[in-house]
Amino acid sequence: MTSALDYEILDLRHYSATHLRPVLDQESLVWRERLHWDFRASADLMLQYLDSHILPGYVTVDRSGVSGFVFCVYEESKAVIGDVFAVSRTSDEPADEVESRLLEFLIELLQNSPGVDRIESQLLLHPHGSHEAVFERNGFTTHPRLFMELDLRNGGLRCAPRAGISPSPELEMRRWRESDFAAAGRLIASAYERHLDSRINDQYRSVAGSLRFLHNIVRFPGCGTFDPAASFVITGPGFENMVAMLLCSRVRDDVGHVTQICVADRYRGQGLATQMLHACANDLRSRGVGELTLTVTEANAVAVSLYRNCGFREKHSFDAMVWERAAGRPL
């Protein structure tokens, strides 16, 4: 398709890393400026997939070459729109409008694919509302989310931890171990049962899905480089039953990011999340890390209140979008 603005929207699989690298370099600058995030590892991973020519998506191509892209990944009957980004080369159509066109093309493809029954997307880089109209027009439900940050250079957390781990003497807090995967998967599936975030990310609904989620966090650089020294678990009786967990990654040498924090239902309200946040922040600060960030669904009022009370401030807001075919309407 050739638009009135003289660019085409073409299949991403026809293009290689060489074609996309300049655009990803521009996107990396935005990640660094907006979120203090070193996006280069994620960009390099995407470039590897591009050279295999199997990544579904579209690009915009003008006289100067590729100026934007959108892509998705498939997980059985679900598609996840992973990223969209465009560089505006004309004042007639801003970059966000080009991105919306790319999203329209990909959403149309996915919604007309018989094997796709669910579509998810969390466009962390893009401010809340940037592409909301495109998704709502195509039947998606939007869930606003917050990106929050804590300055570790000025004392860290404001909320005081309790004197002990909890009133339960059988609990023990320790750092993450490689052998924790199975217990962590069970904890996530249990902790997010009937939780709003399990509507946003259906991996939380099963142990198998939670294990895939954990694998992506620990093994791949999409959410930074996993930092086991700043990741903590709390175990229950027999030290085998995991009742709480905080996982942390490094998204820049001097910035940590909480990728997961959850507490089993029966142990909530005992200060375990605060205890783990303190342990994480103290470990990072001891190694010269100056900032800790996290994301939270805006409607999760209890969690938002906890983070605000601990000194996190809202730096950025973005949208999580969900569409489901099986229900006959968006989830």
C-alpha atoms as a PDB file:
ATOM      1  CA  MET A   1       0.000   0.000   0.000  1.00  0.00           C
ATOM      2  CA  THR A   2       1.311   3.464  -0.922  1.00  0.00           C
ATOM      3  CA  SER A   3      -0.074   6.295   1.152  1.00  0.00           C
ATOM      4  CA  ALA A   4      -0.602   9.910   0.150  1.00  0.00           C
ATOM      5  CA  LEU A   5       2.538  10.611   2.149  1.00  0.00           C
ATOM      6  CA  ASP A   6       4.629   8.382  -0.082  1.00  0.00           C
ATOM      7  CA  TYR A   7       5.459   5.484   2.172  1.00  0.00           C
ATOM      8  CA  GLU A   8       4.512   1.840   1.939  1.00  0.00           C
ATOM      9  CA  ILE A   9       3.507  -0.646   4.610  1.00  0.00           C
ATOM     10  CA  LEU A  10       5.153  -3.972   3.849  1.00  0.00           C
ATOM     11  CA  ASP A  11       5.771  -7.373   5.445  1.00  0.00           C
ATOM     12  CA  LEU A  12       8.452  -7.209   8.146  1.00  0.00           C
ATOM     13  CA  ARG A  13       9.757 -10.651   7.171  1.00  0.00           C
ATOM     14  CA  HIS A  14      11.154  -9.232   3.921  1.00  0.00           C
ATOM     15  CA  TYR A  15      13.624  -7.090   5.852  1.00  0.00           C
ATOM     16  CA  SER A  16      16.790  -7.845   7.798  1.00  0.00           C
ATOM     17  CA  ALA A  17      18.609  -6.409  10.793  1.00  0.00           C
ATOM     18  CA  THR A  18      20.552  -4.070   8.517  1.00  0.00           C
ATOM     19  CA  HIS A  19      17.329  -2.371   7.394  1.00  0.00           C
ATOM     20  CA  LEU A  20      15.895  -1.983  10.918  1.00  0.00           C
ATOM     21  CA  ARG A  21      18.994  -1.066  12.915  1.00  0.00           C
ATOM     22  CA  PRO A  22      18.790   2.741  12.359  1.00  0.00           C
ATOM     23  CA  VAL A  23      15.177   2.802  13.578  1.00  0.00           C
ATOM     24  CA  LEU A  24      15.987   0.650  16.609  1.00  0.00           C
ATOM     25  CA  ASP A  25      18.904   2.951  17.408  1.00  0.00           C
ATOM     26  CA  GLN A  26      16.446   5.850  17.485  1.00  0.00           C
ATOM     27  CA  GLU A  27      14.058   3.882  19.668  1.00  0.00           C
ATOM     28  CA  SER A  28      16.869   3.062  22.085  1.00  0.00           C
ATOM     29  CA  LEU A  29      17.456   6.795  22.582  1.00  0.00           C
ATOM     30  CA  VAL A  30      13.800   7.291  23.518  1.00  0.00           C
ATOM     31  CA  TRP A  31      13.923   4.411  26.029  1.00  0.00           C
ATOM     32  CA  ARG A  32      16.998   5.953  27.639  1.00  0.00           C
ATOM     33  CA  GLU A  33      15.564   9.457  27.835  1.00  0.00           C
ATOM     34  CA  ARG A  34      12.008   8.585  28.848  1.00  0.00           C
ATOM     35  CA  LEU A  35      12.482   5.589  31.166  1.00  0.00           C
ATOM     36  CA  HIS A  36      16.255   5.524  31.929  1.00  0.00           C
ATOM     37  CA  TRP A  37      16.272   2.119  30.259  1.00  0.00           C
ATOM     38  CA  ASP A  38      19.133   0.648  28.236  1.00  0.00           C
ATOM     39  CA  PHE A  39      17.184  -0.898  25.366  1.00  0.00           C
ATOM     40  CA  ARG A  40      20.179  -2.100  23.377  1.00  0.00           C
ATOM     41  CA  ALA A  41      20.044  -5.738  24.558  1.00  0.00           C
ATOM     42  CA  SER A  42      16.355  -5.966  23.617  1.00  0.00           C
ATOM     43  CA  ALA A  43      17.077  -4.340  20.263  1.00  0.00           C
ATOM     44  CA  ASP A  44      19.900  -6.802  19.579  1.00  0.00           C
ATOM     45  CA  LEU A  45      17.575  -9.721  20.370  1.00  0.00           C
ATOM     46  CA  MET A  46      14.990  -8.391  17.931  1.00  0.00           C
ATOM     47  CA  LEU A  47      17.661  -7.956  15.266  1.00  0.00           C
ATOM     48  CA  GLN A  48      18.576 -11.627  15.637  1.00  0.00           C
ATOM     49  CA  TYR A  49      14.951 -12.606  15.012  1.00  0.00           C
ATOM     50  CA  LEU A  50      14.776 -10.268  12.036  1.00  0.00           C
ATOM     51  CA  ASP A  51      17.655 -12.037  10.347  1.00  0.00           C
ATOM     52  CA  SER A  52      15.752 -15.320  10.657  1.00  0.00           C
ATOM     53  CA  HIS A  53      12.857 -13.720   8.707  1.00  0.00           C
ATOM     54  CA  ILE A  54      10.199 -15.350  10.906  1.00  0.00           C
ATOM     55  CA  LEU A  55       9.018 -12.373  12.990  1.00  0.00           C
ATOM     56  CA  PRO A  56       5.425 -11.444  12.011  1.00  0.00           C
ATOM     57  CA  GLY A  57       4.773  -7.743  11.517  1.00  0.00           C
ATOM     58  CA  TYR A  58       4.986  -4.770   9.189  1.00  0.00           C
ATOM     59  CA  VAL A  59       7.369  -1.947   8.320  1.00  0.00           C
ATOM     60  CA  THR A  60       6.893   1.491   6.812  1.00  0.00           C
ATOM     61  CA  VAL A  61       9.270   2.166   3.939  1.00  0.00           C
ATOM     62  CA  ASP A  62       9.886   5.547   2.343  1.00  0.00           C
ATOM     63  CA  ARG A  63      12.529   6.934  -0.001  1.00  0.00           C
ATOM     64  CA  SER A  64      15.109   6.852   2.801  1.00  0.00           C
ATOM     65  CA  GLY A  65      14.409   3.244   3.773  1.00  0.00           C
ATOM     66  CA  VAL A  66      12.610   1.673   6.731  1.00  0.00           C
ATOM     67  CA  SER A  67      11.123   4.339   9.008  1.00  0.00           C
ATOM     68  CA  GLY A  68       8.945   2.272  11.363  1.00  0.00           C
ATOM     69  CA  PHE A  69       7.909  -1.212  12.409  1.00  0.00           C
ATOM     70  CA  VAL A  70       5.439  -3.266  14.416  1.00  0.00           C
ATOM     71  CA  PHE A  71       5.746  -6.927  15.354  1.00  0.00           C
ATOM     72  CA  CYS A  72       4.053  -9.674  17.318  1.00  0.00           C
ATOM     73  CA  VAL A  73       4.846 -13.099  18.688  1.00  0.00           C
ATOM     74  CA  TYR A  74       2.542 -16.100  18.856  1.00  0.00           C
ATOM     75  CA  GLU A  75       1.922 -18.214  21.956  1.00  0.00           C
ATOM     76  CA  GLU A  76      -0.387 -21.016  20.866  1.00  0.00           C
ATOM     77  CA  SER A  77      -3.771 -19.309  20.238  1.00  0.00           C
ATOM     78  CA  LYS A  78      -2.593 -15.947  21.597  1.00  0.00           C
ATOM     79  CA  ALA A  79      -0.689 -13.162  19.856  1.00  0.00           C
ATOM     80  CA  VAL A  80       1.292 -10.547  21.765  1.00  0.00           C
ATOM     81  CA  ILE A  81       1.986  -7.238  20.028  1.00  0.00           C
ATOM     82  CA  GLY A  82       5.510  -6.685  21.267  1.00  0.00           C
ATOM     83  CA  ASP A  83       6.461  -3.237  19.996  1.00  0.00           C
ATOM     84  CA  VAL A  84       5.664  -0.441  17.583  1.00  0.00           C
ATOM     85  CA  PHE A  85       7.906   2.488  16.754  1.00  0.00           C
ATOM     86  CA  ALA A  86       8.274   4.962  13.909  1.00  0.00           C
ATOM     87  CA  VAL A  87      10.553   7.850  13.035  1.00  0.00           C
ATOM     88  CA  SER A  88       8.680  10.763  11.509  1.00  0.00           C
ATOM     89  CA  ARG A  89      10.326  12.095   8.360  1.00  0.00           C
ATOM     90  CA  THR A  90       7.552  14.538   7.477  1.00  0.00           C
ATOM     91  CA  SER A  91       5.641  17.162   9.418  1.00  0.00           C
ATOM     92  CA  ASP A  92       2.442  16.113   7.629  1.00  0.00           C
ATOM     93  CA  GLU A  93       2.076  12.891   9.632  1.00  0.00           C
ATOM     94  CA  PRO A  94       3.653  12.616  13.113  1.00  0.00           C
ATOM     95  CA  ALA A  95       5.342   9.408  14.203  1.00  0.00           C
ATOM     96  CA  ASP A  96       2.448   8.366  16.442  1.00  0.00           C
ATOM     97  CA  GLU A  97       0.064   8.477  13.482  1.00  0.00           C
ATOM     98  CA  VAL A  98       2.411   6.258  11.471  1.00  0.00           C
ATOM     99  CA  GLU A  99       2.557   3.884  14.435  1.00  0.00           C
ATOM    100  CA  SER A 100      -1.252   3.817  14.550  1.00  0.00           C
ATOM    101  CA  ARG A 101      -1.364   2.828  10.885  1.00  0.00           C
ATOM    102  CA  LEU A 102       1.081   0.012  11.540  1.00  0.00           C
ATOM    103  CA  LEU A 103      -1.016  -1.180  14.472  1.00  0.00           C
ATOM    104  CA  GLU A 104      -4.169  -1.132  12.335  1.00  0.00           C
ATOM    105  CA  PHE A 105      -2.517  -3.401   9.780  1.00  0.00           C
ATOM    106  CA  LEU A 106      -1.285  -5.869  12.388  1.00  0.00           C
ATOM    107  CA  ILE A 107      -4.542  -5.950  14.355  1.00  0.00           C
ATOM    108  CA  GLU A 108      -6.500  -6.589  11.155  1.00  0.00           C
ATOM    109  CA  LEU A 109      -4.157  -9.463  10.305  1.00  0.00           C
ATOM    110  CA  LEU A 110      -4.439 -11.023  13.764  1.00  0.00           C
ATOM    111  CA  GLN A 111      -8.195 -10.648  14.151  1.00  0.00           C
ATOM    112  CA  ASN A 112      -8.673 -12.322  10.773  1.00  0.00           C
ATOM    113  CA  SER A 113      -6.332 -15.196  11.611  1.00  0.00           C
ATOM    114  CA  PRO A 114      -8.447 -18.268  12.527  1.00  0.00           C
ATOM    115  CA  GLY A 115      -5.873 -19.589  15.006  1.00  0.00           C
ATOM    116  CA  VAL A 116      -5.692 -16.393  17.074  1.00  0.00           C
ATOM    117  CA  ASP A 117      -8.316 -16.131  19.838  1.00  0.00           C
ATOM    118  CA  ARG A 118      -6.610 -13.598  22.089  1.00  0.00           C
ATOM    119  CA  ILE A 119      -4.405 -10.532  21.554  1.00  0.00           C
ATOM    120  CA  GLU A 120      -2.437  -8.788  24.295  1.00  0.00           C
ATOM    121  CA  SER A 121      -0.168  -5.769  24.207  1.00  0.00           C
ATOM    122  CA  GLN A 122       1.643  -3.591  26.735  1.00  0.00           C
ATOM    123  CA  LEU A 123       3.368  -0.738  24.931  1.00  0.00           C
ATOM    124  CA  LEU A 124       5.502   0.432  27.841  1.00  0.00           C
ATOM    125  CA  LEU A 125       7.364   3.111  25.906  1.00  0.00           C
ATOM    126  CA  HIS A 126       4.232   4.878  24.637  1.00  0.00           C
ATOM    127  CA  PRO A 127       2.371   7.278  26.965  1.00  0.00           C
ATOM    128  CA  HIS A 128      -1.177   6.456  28.079  1.00  0.00           C
ATOM    129  CA  GLY A 129      -3.695   7.209  25.345  1.00  0.00           C
ATOM    130  CA  SER A 130      -1.144   7.373  22.507  1.00  0.00           C
ATOM    131  CA  HIS A 131      -2.792   4.526  20.574  1.00  0.00           C
ATOM    132  CA  GLU A 132      -5.878   3.921  22.675  1.00  0.00           C
ATOM    133  CA  ALA A 133      -8.240   4.945  19.863  1.00  0.00           C
ATOM    134  CA  VAL A 134      -6.831   2.292  17.512  1.00  0.00           C
ATOM    135  CA  PHE A 135      -7.279  -0.482  20.045  1.00  0.00           C
ATOM    136  CA  GLU A 136     -10.725   0.611  21.232  1.00  0.00           C
ATOM    137  CA  ARG A 137     -11.926   0.913  17.637  1.00  0.00           C
ATOM    138  CA  ASN A 138     -10.960  -2.726  17.181  1.00  0.00           C
ATOM    139  CA  GLY A 139     -12.712  -4.016  20.292  1.00  0.00           C
ATOM    140  CA  PHE A 140      -9.870  -4.025  22.832  1.00  0.00           C
ATOM    141  CA  THR A 141     -10.210  -3.211  26.511  1.00  0.00           C
ATOM    142  CA  THR A 142      -7.610  -0.781  27.844  1.00  0.00           C
ATOM    143  CA  HIS A 143      -6.056  -1.006  31.316  1.00  0.00           C
ATOM    144  CA  PRO A 144      -3.908   2.024  32.263  1.00  0.00           C
ATOM    145  CA  ARG A 145      -0.662   1.165  34.042  1.00  0.00           C
ATOM    146  CA  LEU A 146       1.874   3.254  35.940  1.00  0.00           C
ATOM    147  CA  PHE A 147       5.657   3.321  35.633  1.00  0.00           C
ATOM    148  CA  MET A 148       7.023   4.366  39.034  1.00  0.00           C
ATOM    149  CA  GLU A 149      10.533   5.177  40.210  1.00  0.00           C
ATOM    150  CA  LEU A 150      12.385   5.466  43.505  1.00  0.00           C
ATOM    151  CA  ASP A 151      15.570   7.485  44.002  1.00  0.00           C
ATOM    152  CA  LEU A 152      17.945   5.238  45.949  1.00  0.00           C
ATOM    153  CA  ARG A 153      20.543   7.972  46.336  1.00  0.00           C
ATOM    154  CA  ASN A 154      18.438   9.887  48.854  1.00  0.00           C
ATOM    155  CA  GLY A 155      17.772   7.230  51.466  1.00  0.00           C
ATOM    156  CA  GLY A 156      15.675   4.764  49.509  1.00  0.00           C
ATOM    157  CA  LEU A 157      12.320   3.567  50.824  1.00  0.00           C
ATOM    158  CA  ARG A 158      10.300   5.815  53.141  1.00  0.00           C
ATOM    159  CA  CYS A 159       8.104   3.026  54.530  1.00  0.00           C
ATOM    160  CA  ALA A 160       9.615   1.326  57.580  1.00  0.00           C
ATOM    161  CA  PRO A 161       9.987  -2.463  57.528  1.00  0.00           C
ATOM    162  CA  ARG A 162       8.637  -4.503  60.398  1.00  0.00           C
ATOM    163  CA  ALA A 163      11.068  -5.735  63.005  1.00  0.00           C
ATOM    164  CA  GLY A 164      10.964  -9.323  61.708  1.00  0.00           C
ATOM    165  CA  ILE A 165       9.979 -11.075  58.548  1.00  0.00           C
ATOM    166  CA  SER A 166       6.442 -11.446  59.863  1.00  0.00           C
ATOM    167  CA  PRO A 167       4.543 -12.523  62.946  1.00  0.00           C
ATOM    168  CA  SER A 168       5.023 -16.082  61.701  1.00  0.00           C
ATOM    169  CA  PRO A 169       8.370 -17.423  62.997  1.00  0.00           C
ATOM    170  CA  GLU A 170       8.467 -20.215  60.399  1.00  0.00           C
ATOM    171  CA  LEU A 171       9.058 -17.785  57.517  1.00  0.00           C
ATOM    172  CA  GLU A 172      12.517 -17.166  56.077  1.00  0.00           C
ATOM    173  CA  MET A 173      13.670 -14.632  53.491  1.00  0.00           C
ATOM    174  CA  ARG A 174      16.584 -15.440  51.205  1.00  0.00           C
ATOM    175  CA  ARG A 175      17.907 -14.618  47.752  1.00  0.00           C
ATOM    176  CA  TRP A 176      16.596 -16.275  44.586  1.00  0.00           C
ATOM    177  CA  ARG A 177      18.054 -19.643  43.630  1.00  0.00           C
ATOM    178  CA  GLU A 178      18.064 -21.393  40.276  1.00  0.00           C
ATOM    179  CA  SER A 179      16.058 -24.200  41.860  1.00  0.00           C
ATOM    180  CA  ASP A 180      13.171 -21.829  42.711  1.00  0.00           C
ATOM    181  CA  PHE A 181      11.462 -21.937  39.300  1.00  0.00           C
ATOM    182  CA  ALA A 182       8.839 -24.584  40.087  1.00  0.00           C
ATOM    183  CA  ALA A 183       7.807 -23.082  43.434  1.00  0.00           C
ATOM    184  CA  ALA A 184       7.735 -19.591  41.931  1.00  0.00           C
ATOM    185  CA  GLY A 185       5.455 -20.750  39.114  1.00  0.00           C
ATOM    186  CA  ARG A 186       3.015 -22.219  41.623  1.00  0.00           C
ATOM    187  CA  LEU A 187       3.085 -19.036  43.712  1.00  0.00           C
ATOM    188  CA  ILE A 188       2.349 -16.738  40.762  1.00  0.00           C
ATOM    189  CA  ALA A 189      -0.565 -18.865  39.532  1.00  0.00           C
ATOM    190  CA  SER A 190      -2.026 -18.960  43.037  1.00  0.00           C
ATOM    191  CA  ALA A 191      -1.404 -15.295  43.930  1.00  0.00           C
ATOM    192  CA  TYR A 192      -2.972 -13.972  40.721  1.00  0.00           C
ATOM    193  CA  GLU A 193      -6.089 -16.146  40.780  1.00  0.00           C
ATOM    194  CA  ARG A 194      -9.060 -13.828  40.015  1.00  0.00           C
ATOM    195  CA  HIS A 195      -6.646 -10.866  40.076  1.00  0.00           C
ATOM    196  CA  LEU A 196      -7.015  -8.005  37.585  1.00  0.00           C
ATOM    197  CA  ASP A 197      -3.517  -8.595  36.228  1.00  0.00           C
ATOM    198  CA  SER A 198      -4.463 -12.133  35.186  1.00  0.00           C
ATOM    199  CA  ARG A 199      -6.965 -10.509  32.814  1.00  0.00           C
ATOM    200  CA  ILE A 200      -4.148  -8.463  31.307  1.00  0.00           C
ATOM    201  CA  ASN A 201      -1.614 -11.310  31.110  1.00  0.00           C
ATOM    202  CA  ASP A 202      -3.167 -14.762  30.822  1.00  0.00           C
ATOM    203  CA  GLN A 203       0.166 -16.440  31.649  1.00  0.00           C
ATOM    204  CA  TYR A 204      -0.672 -15.755  35.295  1.00  0.00           C
ATOM    205  CA  ARG A 205      -3.670 -18.110  35.096  1.00  0.00           C
ATOM    206  CA  SER A 206      -1.739 -21.373  35.146  1.00  0.00           C
ATOM    207  CA  VAL A 207       1.472 -22.820  36.513  1.00  0.00           C
ATOM    208  CA  ALA A 208       2.687 -23.607  32.986  1.00  0.00           C
ATOM    209  CA  GLY A 209       2.032 -20.049  31.851  1.00  0.00           C
ATOM    210  CA  SER A 210       3.701 -18.611  34.956  1.00  0.00           C
ATOM    211  CA  LEU A 211       6.783 -20.706  34.250  1.00  0.00           C
ATOM    212  CA  ARG A 212       6.934 -19.288  30.707  1.00  0.00           C
ATOM    213  CA  PHE A 213       6.666 -15.796  32.181  1.00  0.00           C
ATOM    214  CA  LEU A 214       9.503 -16.540  34.635  1.00  0.00           C
ATOM    215  CA  HIS A 215      11.646 -18.050  31.898  1.00  0.00           C
ATOM    216  CA  ASN A 216      11.293 -14.862  29.827  1.00  0.00           C
ATOM    217  CA  ILE A 217      12.282 -12.682  32.789  1.00  0.00           C
ATOM    218  CA  VAL A 218      15.269 -14.739  33.912  1.00  0.00           C
ATOM    219  CA  ARG A 219      16.625 -15.948  30.562  1.00  0.00           C
ATOM    220  CA  PHE A 220      15.940 -13.101  28.133  1.00  0.00           C
ATOM    221  CA  PRO A 221      16.811  -9.368  28.216  1.00  0.00           C
ATOM    222  CA  GLY A 222      13.352  -8.017  27.349  1.00  0.00           C
ATOM    223  CA  CYS A 223      12.955  -6.642  30.897  1.00  0.00           C
ATOM    224  CA  GLY A 224      16.648  -6.091  31.501  1.00  0.00           C
ATOM    225  CA  THR A 225      19.302  -8.441  32.826  1.00  0.00           C
ATOM    226  CA  PHE A 226      18.063 -10.589  35.693  1.00  0.00           C
ATOM    227  CA  ASP A 227      19.777  -9.736  38.990  1.00  0.00           C
ATOM    228  CA  PRO A 228      19.552 -12.726  41.384  1.00  0.00           C
ATOM    229  CA  ALA A 229      21.420 -10.862  44.143  1.00  0.00           C
ATOM    230  CA  ALA A 230      18.603  -8.283  44.335  1.00  0.00           C
ATOM    231  CA  SER A 231      15.801 -10.870  43.987  1.00  0.00           C
ATOM    232  CA  PHE A 232      14.273 -12.387  47.113  1.00  0.00           C
ATOM    233  CA  VAL A 233      11.831 -15.109  48.112  1.00  0.00           C
ATOM    234  CA  ILE A 234      10.139 -15.862  51.419  1.00  0.00           C
ATOM    235  CA  THR A 235       9.554 -19.513  52.207  1.00  0.00           C
ATOM    236  CA  GLY A 236       7.114 -21.114  54.596  1.00  0.00           C
ATOM    237  CA  PRO A 237       7.192 -24.181  56.838  1.00  0.00           C
ATOM    238  CA  GLY A 238       9.881 -26.650  55.851  1.00  0.00           C
ATOM    239  CA  PHE A 239      11.490 -23.915  53.740  1.00  0.00           C
ATOM    240  CA  GLU A 240       9.996 -25.488  50.609  1.00  0.00           C
ATOM    241  CA  ASN A 241       6.704 -23.622  50.297  1.00  0.00           C
ATOM    242  CA  MET A 242       7.283 -20.214  48.687  1.00  0.00           C
ATOM    243  CA  VAL A 243       4.850 -17.616  50.053  1.00  0.00           C
ATOM    244  CA  ALA A 244       6.273 -14.382  48.601  1.00  0.00           C
ATOM    245  CA  MET A 245       8.672 -13.317  45.863  1.00  0.00           C
ATOM    246  CA  LEU A 246      10.337 -10.229  44.415  1.00  0.00           C
ATOM    247  CA  LEU A 247      12.339 -10.464  41.197  1.00  0.00           C
ATOM    248  CA  CYS A 248      14.626  -7.667  40.050  1.00  0.00           C
ATOM    249  CA  SER A 249      16.486  -6.984  36.805  1.00  0.00           C
ATOM    250  CA  ARG A 250      19.001  -4.350  35.795  1.00  0.00           C
ATOM    251  CA  VAL A 251      17.678  -2.225  32.940  1.00  0.00           C
ATOM    252  CA  ARG A 252      20.781  -0.036  33.072  1.00  0.00           C
ATOM    253  CA  ASP A 253      24.017  -0.307  35.028  1.00  0.00           C
ATOM    254  CA  ASP A 254      22.662   2.113  37.629  1.00  0.00           C
ATOM    255  CA  VAL A 255      18.931   1.298  37.409  1.00  0.00           C
ATOM    256  CA  GLY A 256      17.102  -1.710  38.842  1.00  0.00           C
ATOM    257  CA  HIS A 257      13.584  -2.739  37.850  1.00  0.00           C
ATOM    258  CA  VAL A 258      11.167  -4.921  39.845  1.00  0.00           C
ATOM    259  CA  THR A 259       9.811  -7.357  37.257  1.00  0.00           C
ATOM    260  CA  GLN A 260       7.581  -9.314  39.662  1.00  0.00           C
ATOM    261  CA  ILE A 261       6.376  -9.004  43.242  1.00  0.00           C
ATOM    262  CA  CYS A 262       3.652 -11.179  44.721  1.00  0.00           C
ATOM    263  CA  VAL A 263       2.516 -12.573  48.069  1.00  0.00           C
ATOM    264  CA  ALA A 264       0.344 -15.636  48.671  1.00  0.00           C
ATOM    265  CA  ASP A 265      -3.187 -14.693  49.684  1.00  0.00           C
ATOM    266  CA  ARG A 266      -3.052 -15.991  53.267  1.00  0.00           C
ATOM    267  CA  TYR A 267       0.160 -14.042  54.011  1.00  0.00           C
ATOM    268  CA  ARG A 268      -0.972 -10.638  52.743  1.00  0.00           C
ATOM    269  CA  GLY A 269      -1.140  -7.742  55.179  1.00  0.00           C
ATOM    270  CA  GLN A 270       1.903  -8.906  57.158  1.00  0.00           C
ATOM    271  CA  GLY A 271       4.426  -6.547  55.569  1.00  0.00           C
ATOM    272  CA  LEU A 272       6.179  -9.144  53.397  1.00  0.00           C
ATOM    273  CA  ALA A 273       6.145  -6.979  50.253  1.00  0.00           C
ATOM    274  CA  THR A 274       7.661  -4.074  52.184  1.00  0.00           C
ATOM    275  CA  GLN A 275      10.319  -6.363  53.647  1.00  0.00           C
ATOM    276  CA  MET A 276      11.340  -7.615  50.195  1.00  0.00           C
ATOM    277  CA  LEU A 277      11.354  -4.104  48.727  1.00  0.00           C
ATOM    278  CA  HIS A 278      13.740  -2.998  51.480  1.00  0.00           C
ATOM    279  CA  ALA A 279      16.016  -5.979  50.874  1.00  0.00           C
ATOM    280  CA  CYS A 280      16.072  -5.293  47.135  1.00  0.00           C
ATOM    281  CA  ALA A 281      16.660  -1.543  47.518  1.00  0.00           C
ATOM    282  CA  ASN A 282      19.408  -2.034  50.116  1.00  0.00           C
ATOM    283  CA  ASP A 283      21.232  -4.564  47.946  1.00  0.00           C
ATOM    284  CA  LEU A 284      21.076  -2.337  44.878  1.00  0.00           C
ATOM    285  CA  ARG A 285      22.182   0.768  46.779  1.00  0.00           C
ATOM    286  CA  SER A 286      25.137  -1.134  48.284  1.00  0.00           C
ATOM    287  CA  ARG A 287      26.352  -1.768  44.716  1.00  0.00           C
ATOM    288  CA  GLY A 288      26.000   1.834  43.577  1.00  0.00           C
ATOM    289  CA  VAL A 289      22.615   1.547  41.831  1.00  0.00           C
ATOM    290  CA  GLY A 290      20.844   4.891  42.055  1.00  0.00           C
ATOM    291  CA  GLU A 291      17.293   4.142  40.936  1.00  0.00           C
ATOM    292  CA  LEU A 292      14.650   1.430  41.285  1.00  0.00           C
ATOM    293  CA  THR A 293      11.590   1.284  39.037  1.00  0.00           C
ATOM    294  CA  LEU A 294       8.482  -0.870  38.700  1.00  0.00           C
ATOM    295  CA  THR A 295       5.148  -1.022  36.876  1.00  0.00           C
ATOM    296  CA  VAL A 296       1.699  -1.478  38.399  1.00  0.00           C
ATOM    297  CA  THR A 297      -1.855  -1.517  37.091  1.00  0.00           C
ATOM    298  CA  GLU A 298      -3.509   1.769  38.044  1.00  0.00           C
ATOM    299  CA  ALA A 299      -6.691   0.024  39.228  1.00  0.00           C
ATOM    300  CA  ASN A 300      -4.672  -2.065  41.708  1.00  0.00           C
ATOM    301  CA  ALA A 301      -5.254   0.529  44.440  1.00  0.00           C
ATOM    302  CA  VAL A 302      -3.649  -1.469  47.280  1.00  0.00           C
ATOM    303  CA  ALA A 303      -0.366  -1.921  45.427  1.00  0.00           C
ATOM    304  CA  VAL A 304      -0.297   1.659  44.148  1.00  0.00           C
ATOM    305  CA  SER A 305      -0.837   2.948  47.702  1.00  0.00           C
ATOM    306  CA  LEU A 306       1.983   0.750  49.028  1.00  0.00           C
ATOM    307  CA  TYR A 307       4.457   2.005  46.436  1.00  0.00           C
ATOM    308  CA  ARG A 308       3.499   5.642  46.970  1.00  0.00           C
ATOM    309  CA  ASN A 309       3.864   5.278  50.734  1.00  0.00           C
ATOM    310  CA  CYS A 310       7.313   3.756  50.187  1.00  0.00           C
ATOM    311  CA  GLY A 311       8.439   6.762  48.158  1.00  0.00           C
ATOM    312  CA  PHE A 312       7.930   5.630  44.568  1.00  0.00           C
ATOM    313  CA  ARG A 313       6.708   8.413  42.309  1.00  0.00           C
ATOM    314  CA  GLU A 314       4.815   8.138  39.039  1.00  0.00           C
ATOM    315  CA  LYS A 315       7.127   8.941  36.163  1.00  0.00           C
ATOM    316  CA  HIS A 316       5.100   7.673  33.216  1.00  0.00           C
ATOM    317  CA  SER A 317       1.800   5.964  32.396  1.00  0.00           C
ATOM    318  CA  PHE A 318       1.085   3.541  29.574  1.00  0.00           C
ATOM    319  CA  ASP A 319      -1.634   1.135  28.409  1.00  0.00           C
ATOM    320  CA  ALA A 320      -2.191  -2.602  28.502  1.00  0.00           C
ATOM    321  CA  MET A 321      -4.660  -3.780  25.861  1.00  0.00           C
ATOM    322  CA  VAL A 322      -6.591  -7.052  25.592  1.00  0.00           C
ATOM    323  CA  TRP A 323      -8.902  -8.548  22.963  1.00  0.00           C
ATOM    324  CA  GLU A 324     -10.511 -11.973  23.173  1.00  0.00           C
ATOM    325  CA  ARG A 325     -12.403 -13.720  20.421  1.00  0.00           C
ATOM    326  CA  ALA A 326     -13.826 -16.582  22.477  1.00  0.00           C
ATOM    327  CA  ALA A 327     -16.056 -14.384  24.623  1.00  0.00           C
ATOM    328  CA  GLY A 328     -17.543 -12.679  21.593  1.00  0.00           C
ATOM    329  CA  ARG A 329     -16.400  -9.356  23.005  1.00  0.00           C
ATOM    330  CA  PRO A 330     -13.179  -7.910  24.478  1.00  0.00           C
ATOM    331  CA  LEU A 331     -12.125  -9.265  27.858  1.00  0.00           C
END
